[in-house]
Amino acid sequence: MERDMAANNKIPEVIFRRSWLYDQALARKRSFKMPSDDVLKSQVKKLEEVWEKDGGKILKEIAKVTKSPWHEKEIVCYVTSGVIPYSDPLTLNLSSGVDTLTHELIHRILSEPENKKRLQGNWRKLMAKYEKEPPKTKTHIVVHAIHAAILLGLYGEKRLKKTKAAIQEPRYIRSWEIVDRDGYGYILKELTKSLR
């Protein structure tokens, strides 16, 4: 297994993209009005600039913290408006920054079939520990523990506090409370137990 990890320690290229066809296919409220293409292109440019500076180290840190290699060579990241960000297809909105992108990439590496299989037993045990929590909270306990380790490792406590303070979704707030209570280190240890 260690040789497999070493052989596949490459990180994927994240490609930011606008797609009018994808925009048309996304479900939105009837009252939604798409911002101008200039506004969307500006967001793509901002993301590209930040990602060029920090992207490589974030992708490496995600793999290191999860003890899971990246299997994808390229990840297309669509930038649009009027949707909630999600990981597959990787989609961000106008208010998404690098921390949202990191969050979605954590989901992405965890859901790669090879990594999902490797983590499956530990994942089930962790989810059983939090069985009384709503599904979205349970999943995000792991995602937020990983995100906490990455933010602390790369940016420090101030960035972690800022990221947590921006959360408004009650189930995400609850998952951060659990990460704070149980400790991100404990959660990561349980997730990656017996992995190299």
N, C-alpha and C. Protein backbone atom coordinates (compact mmCIF):
# COMPACT_ATOMS: atom_id res chain seq x y z
N MET A 1 0.83 -1.21 0.00
CA MET A 1 0.00 0.00 0.00
C MET A 1 0.87 1.26 0.00
N GLU A 2 1.98 1.21 0.76
CA GLU A 2 2.86 2.39 0.83
C GLU A 2 3.42 2.71 -0.55
N ARG A 3 3.78 1.65 -1.32
CA ARG A 3 4.29 1.89 -2.67
C ARG A 3 3.22 2.52 -3.55
N ASP A 4 1.95 2.06 -3.40
CA ASP A 4 0.85 2.65 -4.17
C ASP A 4 0.72 4.14 -3.89
N MET A 5 0.84 4.52 -2.60
CA MET A 5 0.74 5.93 -2.23
C MET A 5 1.88 6.72 -2.85
N ALA A 6 3.09 6.18 -2.79
CA ALA A 6 4.25 6.88 -3.34
C ALA A 6 4.14 7.01 -4.86
N ALA A 7 3.63 5.96 -5.50
CA ALA A 7 3.49 5.99 -6.96
C ALA A 7 2.45 7.00 -7.41
N ASN A 8 1.49 7.27 -6.56
CA ASN A 8 0.40 8.16 -6.96
C ASN A 8 0.35 9.41 -6.07
N ASN A 9 1.49 10.04 -5.86
CA ASN A 9 1.48 11.23 -5.02
C ASN A 9 1.36 12.51 -5.83
N LYS A 10 0.98 12.38 -7.06
CA LYS A 10 0.78 13.56 -7.90
C LYS A 10 -0.52 14.24 -7.51
N ILE A 11 -0.57 15.52 -7.75
CA ILE A 11 -1.79 16.26 -7.46
C ILE A 11 -2.48 16.62 -8.78
N PRO A 12 -3.80 16.71 -8.75
CA PRO A 12 -4.51 17.04 -9.99
C PRO A 12 -4.38 18.52 -10.33
N GLU A 13 -4.63 18.81 -11.58
CA GLU A 13 -4.71 20.20 -12.01
C GLU A 13 -6.18 20.63 -11.87
N VAL A 14 -6.41 21.75 -11.23
CA VAL A 14 -7.76 22.29 -11.12
C VAL A 14 -7.93 23.32 -12.23
N ILE A 15 -8.93 23.11 -13.07
CA ILE A 15 -9.18 23.97 -14.22
C ILE A 15 -10.50 24.70 -13.99
N PHE A 16 -10.45 26.02 -13.92
CA PHE A 16 -11.66 26.82 -13.70
C PHE A 16 -12.31 27.07 -15.05
N ARG A 17 -13.64 26.88 -15.07
CA ARG A 17 -14.34 26.96 -16.36
C ARG A 17 -15.71 27.59 -16.21
N ARG A 18 -16.06 28.32 -17.24
CA ARG A 18 -17.43 28.82 -17.41
C ARG A 18 -18.06 27.99 -18.51
N SER A 19 -19.32 27.65 -18.36
CA SER A 19 -20.01 26.87 -19.38
C SER A 19 -21.46 27.34 -19.47
N TRP A 20 -21.80 27.98 -20.56
CA TRP A 20 -23.18 28.44 -20.72
C TRP A 20 -24.14 27.26 -20.77
N LEU A 21 -23.70 26.13 -21.33
CA LEU A 21 -24.55 24.95 -21.41
C LEU A 21 -24.85 24.41 -20.00
N TYR A 22 -23.82 24.35 -19.16
CA TYR A 22 -23.99 23.92 -17.78
C TYR A 22 -24.90 24.90 -17.04
N ASP A 23 -24.66 26.20 -17.25
CA ASP A 23 -25.52 27.22 -16.63
C ASP A 23 -26.99 26.99 -16.96
N GLN A 24 -27.27 26.67 -18.22
CA GLN A 24 -28.64 26.46 -18.66
C GLN A 24 -29.26 25.21 -18.04
N ALA A 25 -28.44 24.22 -17.75
CA ALA A 25 -28.95 22.94 -17.23
C ALA A 25 -29.23 22.97 -15.74
N LEU A 26 -28.65 23.92 -15.01
CA LEU A 26 -28.81 23.96 -13.56
C LEU A 26 -30.20 24.44 -13.15
N ALA A 27 -30.76 23.79 -12.17
CA ALA A 27 -32.09 24.16 -11.68
C ALA A 27 -31.98 25.37 -10.75
N ARG A 28 -32.77 26.38 -11.03
CA ARG A 28 -32.79 27.58 -10.21
C ARG A 28 -34.23 28.07 -10.09
N LYS A 29 -34.45 28.98 -9.17
CA LYS A 29 -35.79 29.57 -9.04
C LYS A 29 -36.11 30.36 -10.30
N ARG A 30 -37.39 30.44 -10.60
CA ARG A 30 -37.80 31.18 -11.79
C ARG A 30 -37.38 32.65 -11.75
N SER A 31 -37.33 33.20 -10.56
CA SER A 31 -36.99 34.61 -10.41
C SER A 31 -35.48 34.88 -10.53
N PHE A 32 -34.68 33.80 -10.66
CA PHE A 32 -33.23 33.97 -10.73
C PHE A 32 -32.82 34.71 -12.00
N LYS A 33 -31.91 35.66 -11.84
CA LYS A 33 -31.37 36.39 -12.98
C LYS A 33 -29.85 36.20 -12.98
N MET A 34 -29.34 35.61 -14.04
CA MET A 34 -27.91 35.34 -14.15
C MET A 34 -27.14 36.66 -14.25
N PRO A 35 -26.07 36.81 -13.45
CA PRO A 35 -25.24 38.01 -13.57
C PRO A 35 -24.57 38.05 -14.94
N SER A 36 -24.02 39.17 -15.26
CA SER A 36 -23.37 39.32 -16.56
C SER A 36 -22.16 38.40 -16.64
N ASP A 37 -21.78 38.08 -17.86
CA ASP A 37 -20.63 37.22 -18.08
C ASP A 37 -19.36 37.86 -17.53
N ASP A 38 -19.29 39.20 -17.57
CA ASP A 38 -18.11 39.90 -17.03
C ASP A 38 -17.97 39.65 -15.53
N VAL A 39 -19.08 39.65 -14.81
CA VAL A 39 -19.06 39.40 -13.36
C VAL A 39 -18.55 37.97 -13.10
N LEU A 40 -19.05 37.02 -13.85
CA LEU A 40 -18.64 35.63 -13.67
C LEU A 40 -17.18 35.43 -14.07
N LYS A 41 -16.76 36.04 -15.16
CA LYS A 41 -15.35 35.94 -15.58
C LYS A 41 -14.42 36.56 -14.54
N SER A 42 -14.87 37.62 -13.91
CA SER A 42 -14.08 38.27 -12.87
C SER A 42 -13.87 37.32 -11.69
N GLN A 43 -14.93 36.58 -11.32
CA GLN A 43 -14.81 35.61 -10.22
C GLN A 43 -13.85 34.49 -10.60
N VAL A 44 -13.92 34.03 -11.84
CA VAL A 44 -13.00 32.99 -12.31
C VAL A 44 -11.56 33.48 -12.18
N LYS A 45 -11.34 34.72 -12.61
CA LYS A 45 -9.98 35.30 -12.55
C LYS A 45 -9.48 35.37 -11.12
N LYS A 46 -10.34 35.81 -10.18
CA LYS A 46 -9.95 35.89 -8.77
C LYS A 46 -9.56 34.52 -8.24
N LEU A 47 -10.40 33.53 -8.53
CA LEU A 47 -10.12 32.17 -8.07
C LEU A 47 -8.82 31.64 -8.66
N GLU A 48 -8.62 31.87 -9.94
CA GLU A 48 -7.38 31.41 -10.60
C GLU A 48 -6.15 32.02 -9.95
N GLU A 49 -6.22 33.31 -9.63
CA GLU A 49 -5.06 34.00 -9.02
C GLU A 49 -4.73 33.43 -7.65
N VAL A 50 -5.75 33.24 -6.82
CA VAL A 50 -5.52 32.69 -5.48
C VAL A 50 -5.05 31.24 -5.60
N TRP A 51 -5.68 30.50 -6.48
CA TRP A 51 -5.36 29.09 -6.62
C TRP A 51 -3.94 28.90 -7.15
N GLU A 52 -3.51 29.77 -8.04
CA GLU A 52 -2.15 29.68 -8.58
C GLU A 52 -1.12 29.79 -7.44
N LYS A 53 -1.44 30.63 -6.47
CA LYS A 53 -0.54 30.85 -5.34
C LYS A 53 -0.60 29.70 -4.32
N ASP A 54 -1.79 29.24 -3.96
CA ASP A 54 -1.96 28.30 -2.86
C ASP A 54 -2.45 26.91 -3.25
N GLY A 55 -2.90 26.73 -4.47
CA GLY A 55 -3.56 25.49 -4.85
C GLY A 55 -2.73 24.24 -4.67
N GLY A 56 -1.49 24.27 -5.11
CA GLY A 56 -0.64 23.09 -5.00
C GLY A 56 -0.46 22.63 -3.57
N LYS A 57 -0.19 23.58 -2.68
CA LYS A 57 0.03 23.19 -1.29
C LYS A 57 -1.27 22.72 -0.63
N ILE A 58 -2.41 23.27 -1.03
CA ILE A 58 -3.70 22.82 -0.49
C ILE A 58 -3.98 21.38 -0.93
N LEU A 59 -3.79 21.09 -2.21
CA LEU A 59 -4.03 19.74 -2.72
C LEU A 59 -3.10 18.72 -2.04
N LYS A 60 -1.84 19.08 -1.86
CA LYS A 60 -0.89 18.19 -1.17
C LYS A 60 -1.30 17.97 0.28
N GLU A 61 -1.75 19.03 0.93
CA GLU A 61 -2.15 18.92 2.33
C GLU A 61 -3.40 18.07 2.49
N ILE A 62 -4.34 18.19 1.56
CA ILE A 62 -5.54 17.36 1.60
C ILE A 62 -5.14 15.88 1.53
N ALA A 63 -4.26 15.54 0.60
CA ALA A 63 -3.81 14.15 0.46
C ALA A 63 -3.06 13.69 1.72
N LYS A 64 -2.23 14.56 2.26
CA LYS A 64 -1.45 14.20 3.45
C LYS A 64 -2.34 13.98 4.66
N VAL A 65 -3.27 14.89 4.90
CA VAL A 65 -4.14 14.80 6.08
C VAL A 65 -5.07 13.59 5.99
N THR A 66 -5.57 13.30 4.81
CA THR A 66 -6.49 12.16 4.64
C THR A 66 -5.76 10.84 4.43
N LYS A 67 -4.43 10.91 4.27
CA LYS A 67 -3.62 9.73 3.94
C LYS A 67 -4.19 9.02 2.71
N SER A 68 -4.62 9.83 1.75
CA SER A 68 -5.25 9.31 0.53
C SER A 68 -4.65 10.01 -0.68
N PRO A 69 -4.26 9.24 -1.69
CA PRO A 69 -3.72 9.87 -2.89
C PRO A 69 -4.83 10.41 -3.79
N TRP A 70 -4.45 11.39 -4.59
CA TRP A 70 -5.36 11.85 -5.63
C TRP A 70 -5.29 10.86 -6.80
N HIS A 71 -6.43 10.52 -7.35
CA HIS A 71 -6.46 9.61 -8.50
C HIS A 71 -6.82 10.35 -9.78
N GLU A 72 -7.40 11.51 -9.65
CA GLU A 72 -7.77 12.30 -10.83
C GLU A 72 -6.56 13.12 -11.29
N LYS A 73 -6.43 13.28 -12.59
CA LYS A 73 -5.35 14.12 -13.13
C LYS A 73 -5.81 15.55 -13.29
N GLU A 74 -7.08 15.71 -13.62
CA GLU A 74 -7.66 17.05 -13.80
C GLU A 74 -9.01 17.10 -13.10
N ILE A 75 -9.30 18.24 -12.51
CA ILE A 75 -10.62 18.48 -11.93
C ILE A 75 -11.12 19.79 -12.51
N VAL A 76 -12.20 19.72 -13.25
CA VAL A 76 -12.80 20.93 -13.79
C VAL A 76 -13.67 21.55 -12.70
N CYS A 77 -13.49 22.82 -12.47
CA CYS A 77 -14.26 23.56 -11.47
C CYS A 77 -15.12 24.59 -12.20
N TYR A 78 -16.41 24.35 -12.22
CA TYR A 78 -17.32 25.28 -12.88
C TYR A 78 -17.66 26.43 -11.95
N VAL A 79 -17.70 27.62 -12.49
CA VAL A 79 -18.07 28.80 -11.72
C VAL A 79 -19.35 29.34 -12.33
N THR A 80 -20.37 29.44 -11.49
CA THR A 80 -21.68 29.89 -11.95
C THR A 80 -22.32 30.72 -10.85
N SER A 81 -23.61 30.89 -10.92
CA SER A 81 -24.33 31.68 -9.92
C SER A 81 -25.68 31.04 -9.64
N GLY A 82 -26.21 31.33 -8.46
CA GLY A 82 -27.56 30.87 -8.13
C GLY A 82 -27.63 29.44 -7.65
N VAL A 83 -26.50 28.84 -7.28
CA VAL A 83 -26.48 27.47 -6.79
C VAL A 83 -25.63 27.39 -5.52
N ILE A 84 -25.82 26.32 -4.78
CA ILE A 84 -24.97 26.02 -3.62
C ILE A 84 -23.77 25.26 -4.15
N PRO A 85 -22.55 25.59 -3.69
CA PRO A 85 -21.38 24.85 -4.16
C PRO A 85 -21.48 23.35 -3.85
N TYR A 86 -20.94 22.52 -4.73
CA TYR A 86 -20.88 21.09 -4.50
C TYR A 86 -19.67 20.50 -5.21
N SER A 87 -19.38 19.24 -4.89
CA SER A 87 -18.09 18.67 -5.27
C SER A 87 -18.04 17.92 -6.60
N ASP A 88 -19.18 17.41 -7.09
CA ASP A 88 -19.11 16.62 -8.30
C ASP A 88 -20.39 16.75 -9.12
N PRO A 89 -20.34 17.43 -10.27
CA PRO A 89 -19.19 18.14 -10.80
C PRO A 89 -18.86 19.34 -9.90
N LEU A 90 -17.57 19.58 -9.71
CA LEU A 90 -17.12 20.64 -8.83
C LEU A 90 -17.68 21.97 -9.32
N THR A 91 -18.48 22.59 -8.48
CA THR A 91 -19.21 23.79 -8.88
C THR A 91 -19.16 24.81 -7.75
N LEU A 92 -18.76 26.03 -8.09
CA LEU A 92 -18.71 27.13 -7.13
C LEU A 92 -19.62 28.24 -7.59
N ASN A 93 -19.99 29.11 -6.64
CA ASN A 93 -20.82 30.26 -6.99
C ASN A 93 -20.01 31.55 -6.78
N LEU A 94 -20.66 32.68 -6.93
CA LEU A 94 -19.96 33.96 -6.87
C LEU A 94 -19.40 34.29 -5.49
N SER A 95 -19.95 33.72 -4.45
CA SER A 95 -19.43 34.02 -3.12
C SER A 95 -18.38 32.99 -2.67
N SER A 96 -18.06 32.05 -3.52
CA SER A 96 -17.09 31.01 -3.18
C SER A 96 -15.67 31.53 -3.27
N GLY A 97 -14.91 31.23 -2.24
CA GLY A 97 -13.49 31.55 -2.24
C GLY A 97 -12.68 30.28 -2.11
N VAL A 98 -11.42 30.43 -1.78
CA VAL A 98 -10.52 29.28 -1.72
C VAL A 98 -10.90 28.32 -0.60
N ASP A 99 -11.50 28.81 0.49
CA ASP A 99 -11.90 27.90 1.57
C ASP A 99 -13.09 27.04 1.16
N THR A 100 -14.01 27.61 0.38
CA THR A 100 -15.12 26.80 -0.15
C THR A 100 -14.58 25.77 -1.13
N LEU A 101 -13.66 26.19 -1.97
CA LEU A 101 -13.05 25.27 -2.93
C LEU A 101 -12.34 24.13 -2.19
N THR A 102 -11.61 24.46 -1.13
CA THR A 102 -10.92 23.45 -0.33
C THR A 102 -11.93 22.46 0.26
N HIS A 103 -13.01 22.99 0.81
CA HIS A 103 -14.08 22.15 1.38
C HIS A 103 -14.59 21.15 0.34
N GLU A 104 -14.88 21.64 -0.85
CA GLU A 104 -15.42 20.76 -1.89
C GLU A 104 -14.37 19.76 -2.38
N LEU A 105 -13.10 20.15 -2.39
CA LEU A 105 -12.05 19.22 -2.78
C LEU A 105 -11.85 18.12 -1.74
N ILE A 106 -12.09 18.44 -0.47
CA ILE A 106 -12.05 17.41 0.57
C ILE A 106 -13.13 16.37 0.29
N HIS A 107 -14.35 16.84 0.00
CA HIS A 107 -15.41 15.90 -0.39
C HIS A 107 -14.95 15.06 -1.58
N ARG A 108 -14.32 15.71 -2.51
CA ARG A 108 -13.92 15.07 -3.77
C ARG A 108 -12.93 13.93 -3.52
N ILE A 109 -11.88 14.18 -2.72
CA ILE A 109 -10.89 13.12 -2.50
C ILE A 109 -11.49 11.96 -1.70
N LEU A 110 -12.38 12.28 -0.76
CA LEU A 110 -13.02 11.24 0.03
C LEU A 110 -13.94 10.36 -0.80
N SER A 111 -14.51 10.93 -1.86
CA SER A 111 -15.47 10.17 -2.67
C SER A 111 -14.85 9.50 -3.89
N GLU A 112 -13.55 9.73 -4.13
CA GLU A 112 -12.91 8.97 -5.20
C GLU A 112 -13.07 7.48 -4.88
N PRO A 113 -13.49 6.65 -5.83
CA PRO A 113 -13.80 5.24 -5.52
C PRO A 113 -12.68 4.50 -4.78
N GLU A 114 -11.43 4.72 -5.18
CA GLU A 114 -10.32 4.02 -4.53
C GLU A 114 -10.17 4.45 -3.07
N ASN A 115 -10.32 5.74 -2.81
CA ASN A 115 -10.18 6.24 -1.44
C ASN A 115 -11.40 5.87 -0.60
N LYS A 116 -12.55 5.95 -1.20
CA LYS A 116 -13.78 5.58 -0.48
C LYS A 116 -13.68 4.14 0.02
N LYS A 117 -13.17 3.27 -0.83
CA LYS A 117 -13.01 1.86 -0.47
C LYS A 117 -12.01 1.71 0.68
N ARG A 118 -10.89 2.42 0.61
CA ARG A 118 -9.85 2.34 1.64
C ARG A 118 -10.34 2.84 3.00
N LEU A 119 -11.17 3.88 2.98
CA LEU A 119 -11.62 4.53 4.21
C LEU A 119 -12.92 3.96 4.76
N GLN A 120 -13.56 3.11 3.98
CA GLN A 120 -14.92 2.65 4.26
C GLN A 120 -15.14 2.12 5.68
N GLY A 121 -14.29 1.22 6.15
CA GLY A 121 -14.47 0.64 7.48
C GLY A 121 -14.35 1.68 8.58
N ASN A 122 -13.32 2.51 8.51
CA ASN A 122 -13.13 3.57 9.51
C ASN A 122 -14.26 4.60 9.44
N TRP A 123 -14.69 4.90 8.22
CA TRP A 123 -15.79 5.85 8.03
C TRP A 123 -17.05 5.35 8.74
N ARG A 124 -17.39 4.08 8.52
CA ARG A 124 -18.59 3.50 9.14
C ARG A 124 -18.53 3.59 10.66
N LYS A 125 -17.38 3.27 11.24
CA LYS A 125 -17.23 3.34 12.69
C LYS A 125 -17.42 4.78 13.20
N LEU A 126 -16.85 5.73 12.49
CA LEU A 126 -17.03 7.13 12.88
C LEU A 126 -18.49 7.56 12.78
N MET A 127 -19.14 7.18 11.70
CA MET A 127 -20.55 7.56 11.52
C MET A 127 -21.42 6.92 12.61
N ALA A 128 -21.09 5.71 13.03
CA ALA A 128 -21.85 5.04 14.10
C ALA A 128 -21.72 5.83 15.40
N LYS A 129 -20.55 6.39 15.64
CA LYS A 129 -20.34 7.18 16.87
C LYS A 129 -21.27 8.40 16.90
N TYR A 130 -21.58 8.93 15.73
CA TYR A 130 -22.42 10.14 15.65
C TYR A 130 -23.79 9.82 15.07
N GLU A 131 -24.29 8.61 15.33
CA GLU A 131 -25.53 8.14 14.70
C GLU A 131 -26.74 9.01 14.97
N LYS A 132 -26.76 9.74 16.08
CA LYS A 132 -27.93 10.56 16.40
C LYS A 132 -27.96 11.90 15.66
N GLU A 133 -26.87 12.20 14.99
CA GLU A 133 -26.79 13.46 14.24
C GLU A 133 -27.43 13.30 12.86
N PRO A 134 -27.96 14.38 12.29
CA PRO A 134 -28.48 14.32 10.91
C PRO A 134 -27.38 13.92 9.92
N PRO A 135 -27.74 13.26 8.83
CA PRO A 135 -26.72 12.81 7.86
C PRO A 135 -25.75 13.90 7.40
N LYS A 136 -26.27 15.09 7.11
CA LYS A 136 -25.40 16.17 6.63
C LYS A 136 -24.40 16.59 7.71
N THR A 137 -24.82 16.57 8.95
CA THR A 137 -23.92 16.90 10.07
C THR A 137 -22.84 15.83 10.19
N LYS A 138 -23.25 14.56 10.15
CA LYS A 138 -22.30 13.45 10.30
C LYS A 138 -21.19 13.52 9.24
N THR A 139 -21.58 13.66 7.99
CA THR A 139 -20.61 13.72 6.91
C THR A 139 -19.65 14.88 7.12
N HIS A 140 -20.19 16.01 7.55
CA HIS A 140 -19.36 17.21 7.67
C HIS A 140 -18.48 17.22 8.92
N ILE A 141 -18.72 16.33 9.86
CA ILE A 141 -17.79 16.20 10.99
C ILE A 141 -16.42 15.81 10.44
N VAL A 142 -16.40 14.85 9.55
CA VAL A 142 -15.14 14.40 8.96
C VAL A 142 -14.55 15.50 8.06
N VAL A 143 -15.38 16.06 7.19
CA VAL A 143 -14.90 17.10 6.27
C VAL A 143 -14.34 18.28 7.05
N HIS A 144 -15.03 18.71 8.09
CA HIS A 144 -14.56 19.86 8.86
C HIS A 144 -13.32 19.54 9.69
N ALA A 145 -13.19 18.31 10.16
CA ALA A 145 -11.96 17.92 10.87
C ALA A 145 -10.76 18.00 9.92
N ILE A 146 -10.93 17.51 8.71
CA ILE A 146 -9.87 17.59 7.70
C ILE A 146 -9.58 19.05 7.38
N HIS A 147 -10.62 19.84 7.19
CA HIS A 147 -10.45 21.26 6.85
C HIS A 147 -9.74 21.99 7.98
N ALA A 148 -10.07 21.68 9.22
CA ALA A 148 -9.41 22.32 10.36
C ALA A 148 -7.91 22.04 10.33
N ALA A 149 -7.54 20.79 10.09
CA ALA A 149 -6.12 20.43 10.04
C ALA A 149 -5.40 21.18 8.92
N ILE A 150 -6.05 21.30 7.78
CA ILE A 150 -5.45 21.99 6.63
C ILE A 150 -5.29 23.48 6.92
N LEU A 151 -6.35 24.10 7.43
CA LEU A 151 -6.29 25.54 7.72
C LEU A 151 -5.24 25.85 8.78
N LEU A 152 -5.20 25.05 9.83
CA LEU A 152 -4.20 25.28 10.89
C LEU A 152 -2.78 25.04 10.36
N GLY A 153 -2.63 23.99 9.56
CA GLY A 153 -1.31 23.66 9.03
C GLY A 153 -0.76 24.68 8.05
N LEU A 154 -1.63 25.24 7.23
CA LEU A 154 -1.18 26.16 6.19
C LEU A 154 -1.31 27.64 6.55
N TYR A 155 -2.32 27.98 7.37
CA TYR A 155 -2.62 29.40 7.58
C TYR A 155 -2.68 29.83 9.04
N GLY A 156 -3.00 28.93 9.94
CA GLY A 156 -3.05 29.28 11.36
C GLY A 156 -4.45 29.44 11.91
N GLU A 157 -4.50 29.66 13.21
CA GLU A 157 -5.75 29.74 13.99
C GLU A 157 -6.69 30.84 13.51
N LYS A 158 -6.15 31.99 13.14
CA LYS A 158 -6.99 33.13 12.72
C LYS A 158 -7.84 32.76 11.50
N ARG A 159 -7.24 32.09 10.53
CA ARG A 159 -7.96 31.69 9.32
C ARG A 159 -9.03 30.65 9.65
N LEU A 160 -8.71 29.72 10.54
CA LEU A 160 -9.69 28.71 10.95
C LEU A 160 -10.89 29.39 11.60
N LYS A 161 -10.65 30.32 12.51
CA LYS A 161 -11.76 31.03 13.18
C LYS A 161 -12.61 31.79 12.18
N LYS A 162 -11.97 32.45 11.23
CA LYS A 162 -12.70 33.21 10.21
C LYS A 162 -13.58 32.29 9.36
N THR A 163 -13.04 31.14 8.99
CA THR A 163 -13.80 30.17 8.18
C THR A 163 -15.01 29.66 8.94
N LYS A 164 -14.81 29.32 10.21
CA LYS A 164 -15.92 28.81 11.02
C LYS A 164 -16.97 29.90 11.25
N ALA A 165 -16.54 31.12 11.44
CA ALA A 165 -17.47 32.22 11.70
C ALA A 165 -18.37 32.52 10.50
N ALA A 166 -17.91 32.17 9.31
CA ALA A 166 -18.68 32.45 8.09
C ALA A 166 -19.80 31.43 7.86
N ILE A 167 -19.80 30.33 8.59
CA ILE A 167 -20.78 29.27 8.39
C ILE A 167 -22.15 29.70 8.92
N GLN A 168 -23.18 29.49 8.11
CA GLN A 168 -24.55 29.86 8.51
C GLN A 168 -25.49 28.66 8.57
N GLU A 169 -25.16 27.61 7.85
CA GLU A 169 -26.00 26.41 7.80
C GLU A 169 -25.96 25.72 9.17
N PRO A 170 -27.13 25.56 9.84
CA PRO A 170 -27.15 24.97 11.19
C PRO A 170 -26.50 23.59 11.31
N ARG A 171 -26.66 22.74 10.31
CA ARG A 171 -26.06 21.40 10.39
C ARG A 171 -24.53 21.46 10.27
N TYR A 172 -24.02 22.46 9.54
CA TYR A 172 -22.57 22.66 9.46
C TYR A 172 -22.04 23.25 10.77
N ILE A 173 -22.79 24.18 11.34
CA ILE A 173 -22.40 24.75 12.63
C ILE A 173 -22.30 23.64 13.66
N ARG A 174 -23.29 22.74 13.65
CA ARG A 174 -23.28 21.62 14.59
C ARG A 174 -22.05 20.72 14.37
N SER A 175 -21.71 20.46 13.12
CA SER A 175 -20.55 19.60 12.87
C SER A 175 -19.26 20.25 13.35
N TRP A 176 -19.14 21.57 13.19
CA TRP A 176 -17.96 22.28 13.72
C TRP A 176 -17.93 22.20 15.25
N GLU A 177 -19.09 22.29 15.89
CA GLU A 177 -19.15 22.16 17.36
C GLU A 177 -18.62 20.79 17.79
N ILE A 178 -18.98 19.76 17.05
CA ILE A 178 -18.53 18.40 17.38
C ILE A 178 -17.03 18.27 17.15
N VAL A 179 -16.53 18.86 16.07
CA VAL A 179 -15.08 18.84 15.80
C VAL A 179 -14.34 19.54 16.94
N ASP A 180 -14.87 20.68 17.39
CA ASP A 180 -14.25 21.40 18.51
C ASP A 180 -14.30 20.57 19.79
N ARG A 181 -15.43 19.92 20.02
CA ARG A 181 -15.61 19.13 21.23
C ARG A 181 -14.70 17.89 21.25
N ASP A 182 -14.71 17.13 20.14
CA ASP A 182 -13.97 15.87 20.10
C ASP A 182 -12.52 16.03 19.65
N GLY A 183 -12.24 17.14 18.99
CA GLY A 183 -10.88 17.39 18.49
C GLY A 183 -10.69 16.86 17.08
N TYR A 184 -10.21 17.72 16.20
CA TYR A 184 -10.01 17.28 14.82
C TYR A 184 -8.96 16.17 14.75
N GLY A 185 -7.97 16.19 15.65
CA GLY A 185 -6.93 15.17 15.67
C GLY A 185 -7.50 13.78 15.95
N TYR A 186 -8.41 13.71 16.90
CA TYR A 186 -9.05 12.43 17.23
C TYR A 186 -9.84 11.90 16.03
N ILE A 187 -10.62 12.78 15.42
CA ILE A 187 -11.46 12.37 14.29
C ILE A 187 -10.59 11.88 13.13
N LEU A 188 -9.51 12.61 12.85
CA LEU A 188 -8.61 12.19 11.76
C LEU A 188 -7.90 10.88 12.09
N LYS A 189 -7.53 10.71 13.33
CA LYS A 189 -6.88 9.46 13.75
C LYS A 189 -7.83 8.28 13.51
N GLU A 190 -9.09 8.46 13.88
CA GLU A 190 -10.08 7.40 13.68
C GLU A 190 -10.34 7.14 12.20
N LEU A 191 -10.37 8.20 11.40
CA LEU A 191 -10.62 8.07 9.96
C LEU A 191 -9.49 7.35 9.26
N THR A 192 -8.26 7.64 9.65
CA THR A 192 -7.09 7.13 8.92
C THR A 192 -6.40 5.98 9.64
N LYS A 193 -7.03 5.44 10.69
CA LYS A 193 -6.44 4.34 11.44
C LYS A 193 -6.06 3.20 10.50
N SER A 194 -4.87 2.69 10.66
CA SER A 194 -4.31 1.58 9.89
C SER A 194 -4.01 1.92 8.43
N LEU A 195 -4.10 3.19 8.05
CA LEU A 195 -3.71 3.60 6.69
C LEU A 195 -2.28 4.13 6.74
N ARG A 196 -1.58 3.99 5.65
CA ARG A 196 -0.22 4.53 5.58
C ARG A 196 -0.17 5.72 4.69
